[in-house]
Amino acid sequence: MIDLENQEREIINLMFSQDISWLTAVRIRHKLSLAEVSKMLGISINSLKQIEKTERLSSNIKSKMAGIYGCPPELLICPSWMTAEHK
């Protein structure tokens, strides 16, 4: 899964360089705004902000996000080796 590893590396770089959450970095990596993604998900911008902040998403939202971002659902989950202090 070299491609997945490269995508994770890019997301991690965004996280640290912009001090943002994993899900926010995924969205930014795909050059999509909060408004665009919230509209595609059928939720409010505030709901999407909360999801990105807490990184808690239902399987339905995770599936929809994976489709929007064109990535496997596992890419939407912050790697387990990253501790809370790194987030």
Protein backbone atom coordinates (compact mmCIF):
# COMPACT_ATOMS: atom_id res chain seq x y z
CA MET A 1 0.00 0.00 0.00
CA ILE A 2 2.71 2.44 -0.99
CA ASP A 3 0.18 4.90 -2.41
CA LEU A 4 -1.75 4.91 0.87
CA GLU A 5 1.52 5.50 2.75
CA ASN A 6 2.36 8.45 0.48
CA GLN A 7 -1.11 9.92 1.01
CA GLU A 8 -0.74 9.52 4.78
CA ARG A 9 2.65 11.24 4.65
CA GLU A 10 1.15 14.20 2.74
CA ILE A 11 -1.71 14.45 5.24
CA ILE A 12 0.70 14.34 8.19
CA ASN A 13 2.80 17.11 6.63
CA LEU A 14 -0.33 19.26 6.25
CA MET A 15 -1.39 18.52 9.83
CA PHE A 16 1.87 19.69 11.30
CA SER A 17 2.54 22.59 8.95
CA GLN A 18 -0.96 24.07 9.42
CA ASP A 19 -1.73 22.76 12.94
CA ILE A 20 -4.98 21.12 11.82
CA SER A 21 -6.78 17.83 12.44
CA TRP A 22 -6.37 14.70 10.35
CA LEU A 23 -9.77 15.07 8.63
CA THR A 24 -9.21 18.75 7.93
CA ALA A 25 -5.87 17.87 6.34
CA VAL A 26 -7.56 15.21 4.18
CA ARG A 27 -10.08 17.79 2.95
CA ILE A 28 -7.44 20.44 2.28
CA ARG A 29 -5.25 17.90 0.49
CA HIS A 30 -8.15 17.40 -1.92
CA LYS A 31 -8.48 21.18 -2.35
CA LEU A 32 -12.08 21.29 -1.14
CA SER A 33 -13.67 23.90 1.10
CA LEU A 34 -15.85 23.30 4.14
CA ALA A 35 -18.82 24.63 2.17
CA GLU A 36 -18.23 22.28 -0.76
CA VAL A 37 -17.84 19.16 1.37
CA SER A 38 -20.71 19.98 3.72
CA LYS A 39 -22.99 20.48 0.72
CA MET A 40 -21.91 17.14 -0.80
CA LEU A 41 -22.49 15.42 2.55
CA GLY A 42 -25.84 17.12 3.07
CA ILE A 43 -24.84 18.56 6.46
CA SER A 44 -24.18 22.05 7.79
CA ILE A 45 -20.74 23.63 7.76
CA ASN A 46 -20.83 23.67 11.57
CA SER A 47 -21.54 19.92 11.63
CA LEU A 48 -18.59 19.28 9.33
CA LYS A 49 -16.36 21.50 11.48
CA GLN A 50 -17.36 19.44 14.52
CA ILE A 51 -16.67 16.16 12.71
CA GLU A 52 -13.25 17.40 11.60
CA LYS A 53 -12.44 18.68 15.08
CA THR A 54 -13.47 15.56 16.99
CA GLU A 55 -12.59 13.12 14.20
CA ARG A 56 -15.69 11.13 15.12
CA LEU A 57 -17.74 10.12 12.14
CA SER A 58 -20.47 7.60 11.51
CA SER A 59 -19.90 4.80 9.04
CA ASN A 60 -22.37 6.53 6.70
CA ILE A 61 -20.46 9.83 6.75
CA LYS A 62 -17.14 7.99 6.47
CA SER A 63 -18.39 6.17 3.37
CA LYS A 64 -19.66 9.41 1.82
CA MET A 65 -16.39 11.22 2.59
CA ALA A 66 -14.37 8.39 1.05
CA GLY A 67 -16.43 8.77 -2.11
CA ILE A 68 -15.98 12.55 -2.17
CA TYR A 69 -12.23 12.32 -1.61
CA GLY A 70 -11.79 9.27 -3.84
CA CYS A 71 -9.90 7.42 -1.15
CA PRO A 72 -10.30 4.25 0.88
CA PRO A 73 -12.28 4.76 4.11
CA GLU A 74 -9.24 3.77 6.19
CA LEU A 75 -7.46 6.92 5.01
CA LEU A 76 -10.07 8.95 6.94
CA ILE A 77 -8.90 7.46 10.23
CA CYS A 78 -5.84 8.98 11.83
CA PRO A 79 -3.12 6.30 12.11
CA SER A 80 -3.11 4.61 15.50
CA TRP A 81 0.57 5.34 16.06
CA MET A 82 -0.18 9.06 16.27
CA THR A 83 -0.81 9.90 19.90
CA ALA A 84 -3.15 12.60 21.18
CA GLU A 85 -0.17 14.86 21.79
CA HIS A 86 0.58 14.87 18.05
CA LYS A 87 -2.96 15.79 17.03
